[in-house]
Amino acid sequence: MKTSLLLALCAGGLGWLLGGCAESTLQGRTGEYQPYRTTGQYRLTDDAKISADVRDQLVEDLDIRNLGVDVATVNGVVSLTGWVDTPEQKFWAEQLAADEPGVRQVQNEIAIK
């Protein structure tokens, strides 16, 4: 009996350990499930790409392009900081960030001048 229980616990622990390195999915703000990697360099690369993509979207937007909005991403969570002129610009910057693939959450800390 003790041997069976010990084997079951070891098998479960091994499955958990191996499963921790697999790809996972999270539901983004848009309601779509998007794959992301959970370990090491892959996550850093994904975060850098997300930040670059969000910056590109902000630069392309005529209302936000010349304002001081900074973007940082950690584990798919995008942080927006800086200054804008209106509440609408703050809201729109958050929407642009939230629509990027791989974004799990947006922390909008943009201040209004």
C-alpha atoms as a PDB file:
ATOM      1  CA  MET A   1       0.000   0.000   0.000  1.00  0.00           C
ATOM      2  CA  LYS A   2       2.762   2.453   0.945  1.00  0.00           C
ATOM      3  CA  THR A   3       4.700   1.511  -2.193  1.00  0.00           C
ATOM      4  CA  SER A   4       1.668   2.202  -4.425  1.00  0.00           C
ATOM      5  CA  LEU A   5       1.102   5.575  -2.811  1.00  0.00           C
ATOM      6  CA  LEU A   6       4.783   6.468  -3.139  1.00  0.00           C
ATOM      7  CA  LEU A   7       4.805   5.487  -6.836  1.00  0.00           C
ATOM      8  CA  ALA A   8       1.653   7.527  -7.500  1.00  0.00           C
ATOM      9  CA  LEU A   9       3.157  10.600  -5.821  1.00  0.00           C
ATOM     10  CA  CYS A  10       6.426  10.240  -7.745  1.00  0.00           C
ATOM     11  CA  ALA A  11       4.597   9.860 -11.073  1.00  0.00           C
ATOM     12  CA  GLY A  12       2.462  12.908 -10.332  1.00  0.00           C
ATOM     13  CA  GLY A  13       5.505  14.948  -9.330  1.00  0.00           C
ATOM     14  CA  LEU A  14       7.371  13.946 -12.474  1.00  0.00           C
ATOM     15  CA  GLY A  15       4.396  14.936 -14.624  1.00  0.00           C
ATOM     16  CA  TRP A  16       4.211  18.303 -12.876  1.00  0.00           C
ATOM     17  CA  LEU A  17       7.952  18.861 -13.273  1.00  0.00           C
ATOM     18  CA  LEU A  18       7.961  18.035 -16.980  1.00  0.00           C
ATOM     19  CA  GLY A  19       4.748  19.964 -17.600  1.00  0.00           C
ATOM     20  CA  GLY A  20       6.305  23.157 -16.212  1.00  0.00           C
ATOM     21  CA  CYS A  21       8.498  23.548 -19.308  1.00  0.00           C
ATOM     22  CA  ALA A  22       5.738  23.032 -21.846  1.00  0.00           C
ATOM     23  CA  GLU A  23       3.927  25.710 -23.793  1.00  0.00           C
ATOM     24  CA  SER A  24       0.893  27.141 -22.089  1.00  0.00           C
ATOM     25  CA  THR A  25      -2.009  29.262 -23.187  1.00  0.00           C
ATOM     26  CA  LEU A  26      -3.669  32.212 -21.559  1.00  0.00           C
ATOM     27  CA  GLN A  27      -6.754  34.068 -22.557  1.00  0.00           C
ATOM     28  CA  GLY A  28      -5.835  37.612 -23.557  1.00  0.00           C
ATOM     29  CA  ARG A  29      -7.998  40.697 -23.250  1.00  0.00           C
ATOM     30  CA  THR A  30      -9.371  40.095 -26.724  1.00  0.00           C
ATOM     31  CA  GLY A  31     -10.798  36.738 -25.614  1.00  0.00           C
ATOM     32  CA  GLU A  32      -8.487  34.693 -27.829  1.00  0.00           C
ATOM     33  CA  TYR A  33      -6.210  31.998 -26.457  1.00  0.00           C
ATOM     34  CA  GLN A  34      -2.623  32.790 -27.309  1.00  0.00           C
ATOM     35  CA  PRO A  35       0.385  30.509 -26.789  1.00  0.00           C
ATOM     36  CA  TYR A  36       3.352  31.759 -24.833  1.00  0.00           C
ATOM     37  CA  ARG A  37       6.483  30.113 -23.557  1.00  0.00           C
ATOM     38  CA  THR A  38       6.928  29.916 -19.837  1.00  0.00           C
ATOM     39  CA  THR A  39      10.672  29.548 -19.407  1.00  0.00           C
ATOM     40  CA  GLY A  40      13.981  31.261 -19.926  1.00  0.00           C
ATOM     41  CA  GLN A  41      15.057  33.129 -23.025  1.00  0.00           C
ATOM     42  CA  TYR A  42      11.798  32.513 -24.874  1.00  0.00           C
ATOM     43  CA  ARG A  43       9.854  34.667 -22.404  1.00  0.00           C
ATOM     44  CA  LEU A  44      12.434  37.461 -22.575  1.00  0.00           C
ATOM     45  CA  THR A  45      12.313  37.424 -26.374  1.00  0.00           C
ATOM     46  CA  ASP A  46       8.515  37.441 -26.347  1.00  0.00           C
ATOM     47  CA  ASP A  47       8.452  40.377 -23.910  1.00  0.00           C
ATOM     48  CA  ALA A  48      10.911  42.370 -26.019  1.00  0.00           C
ATOM     49  CA  LYS A  49       8.844  41.710 -29.135  1.00  0.00           C
ATOM     50  CA  ILE A  50       5.626  42.711 -27.385  1.00  0.00           C
ATOM     51  CA  SER A  51       7.222  45.986 -26.194  1.00  0.00           C
ATOM     52  CA  ALA A  52       8.545  46.739 -29.685  1.00  0.00           C
ATOM     53  CA  ASP A  53       5.164  45.977 -31.281  1.00  0.00           C
ATOM     54  CA  VAL A  54       3.306  48.199 -28.790  1.00  0.00           C
ATOM     55  CA  ARG A  55       5.809  51.033 -29.374  1.00  0.00           C
ATOM     56  CA  ASP A  56       5.298  50.663 -33.143  1.00  0.00           C
ATOM     57  CA  GLN A  57       1.526  50.944 -32.708  1.00  0.00           C
ATOM     58  CA  LEU A  58       1.896  54.046 -30.535  1.00  0.00           C
ATOM     59  CA  VAL A  59       4.251  55.697 -33.058  1.00  0.00           C
ATOM     60  CA  GLU A  60       1.854  54.971 -35.928  1.00  0.00           C
ATOM     61  CA  ASP A  61      -1.042  56.637 -34.106  1.00  0.00           C
ATOM     62  CA  LEU A  62      -1.191  60.333 -35.030  1.00  0.00           C
ATOM     63  CA  ASP A  63      -2.699  61.379 -31.683  1.00  0.00           C
ATOM     64  CA  ILE A  64      -0.058  59.654 -29.541  1.00  0.00           C
ATOM     65  CA  ARG A  65       3.100  59.517 -31.686  1.00  0.00           C
ATOM     66  CA  ASN A  66       4.813  62.675 -30.376  1.00  0.00           C
ATOM     67  CA  LEU A  67       3.932  62.218 -26.718  1.00  0.00           C
ATOM     68  CA  GLY A  68       6.206  60.697 -24.076  1.00  0.00           C
ATOM     69  CA  VAL A  69       4.761  57.237 -23.535  1.00  0.00           C
ATOM     70  CA  ASP A  70       7.189  54.519 -22.408  1.00  0.00           C
ATOM     71  CA  VAL A  71       6.515  50.787 -22.722  1.00  0.00           C
ATOM     72  CA  ALA A  72       7.900  47.910 -20.637  1.00  0.00           C
ATOM     73  CA  THR A  73       6.791  44.267 -20.677  1.00  0.00           C
ATOM     74  CA  VAL A  74       7.368  41.514 -18.118  1.00  0.00           C
ATOM     75  CA  ASN A  75       5.758  38.083 -18.558  1.00  0.00           C
ATOM     76  CA  GLY A  76       3.244  39.485 -21.033  1.00  0.00           C
ATOM     77  CA  VAL A  77       2.162  42.310 -18.706  1.00  0.00           C
ATOM     78  CA  VAL A  78       2.648  45.663 -20.454  1.00  0.00           C
ATOM     79  CA  SER A  79       3.305  48.763 -18.329  1.00  0.00           C
ATOM     80  CA  LEU A  80       2.619  52.142 -19.909  1.00  0.00           C
ATOM     81  CA  THR A  81       4.145  55.226 -18.299  1.00  0.00           C
ATOM     82  CA  GLY A  82       4.676  58.824 -19.325  1.00  0.00           C
ATOM     83  CA  TRP A  83       2.477  61.787 -20.215  1.00  0.00           C
ATOM     84  CA  VAL A  84      -0.402  62.521 -22.589  1.00  0.00           C
ATOM     85  CA  ASP A  85      -2.599  65.568 -23.135  1.00  0.00           C
ATOM     86  CA  THR A  86      -6.082  64.060 -22.745  1.00  0.00           C
ATOM     87  CA  PRO A  87      -7.883  61.170 -21.027  1.00  0.00           C
ATOM     88  CA  GLU A  88      -8.857  59.905 -24.483  1.00  0.00           C
ATOM     89  CA  GLN A  89      -5.183  59.537 -25.446  1.00  0.00           C
ATOM     90  CA  LYS A  90      -4.527  57.601 -22.245  1.00  0.00           C
ATOM     91  CA  PHE A  91      -7.454  55.286 -22.953  1.00  0.00           C
ATOM     92  CA  TRP A  92      -6.449  54.815 -26.604  1.00  0.00           C
ATOM     93  CA  ALA A  93      -2.831  53.961 -25.692  1.00  0.00           C
ATOM     94  CA  GLU A  94      -4.129  51.237 -23.373  1.00  0.00           C
ATOM     95  CA  GLN A  95      -6.409  49.868 -26.087  1.00  0.00           C
ATOM     96  CA  LEU A  96      -3.569  49.749 -28.626  1.00  0.00           C
ATOM     97  CA  ALA A  97      -1.393  47.846 -26.149  1.00  0.00           C
ATOM     98  CA  ALA A  98      -4.168  45.429 -25.172  1.00  0.00           C
ATOM     99  CA  ASP A  99      -4.802  44.504 -28.811  1.00  0.00           C
ATOM    100  CA  GLU A 100      -1.241  43.278 -29.410  1.00  0.00           C
ATOM    101  CA  PRO A 101      -0.807  39.474 -29.574  1.00  0.00           C
ATOM    102  CA  GLY A 102       0.757  38.013 -26.430  1.00  0.00           C
ATOM    103  CA  VAL A 103      -0.380  40.811 -24.104  1.00  0.00           C
ATOM    104  CA  ARG A 104      -1.929  39.298 -20.974  1.00  0.00           C
ATOM    105  CA  GLN A 105      -2.596  42.517 -19.097  1.00  0.00           C
ATOM    106  CA  VAL A 106      -1.978  46.270 -19.390  1.00  0.00           C
ATOM    107  CA  GLN A 107      -0.994  48.461 -16.450  1.00  0.00           C
ATOM    108  CA  ASN A 108      -1.762  51.990 -17.557  1.00  0.00           C
ATOM    109  CA  GLU A 109       0.197  54.435 -15.395  1.00  0.00           C
ATOM    110  CA  ILE A 110       0.138  57.248 -17.945  1.00  0.00           C
ATOM    111  CA  ALA A 111      -0.409  60.703 -16.402  1.00  0.00           C
ATOM    112  CA  ILE A 112      -2.396  63.498 -18.022  1.00  0.00           C
ATOM    113  CA  LYS A 113      -0.629  66.878 -18.368  1.00  0.00           C
END
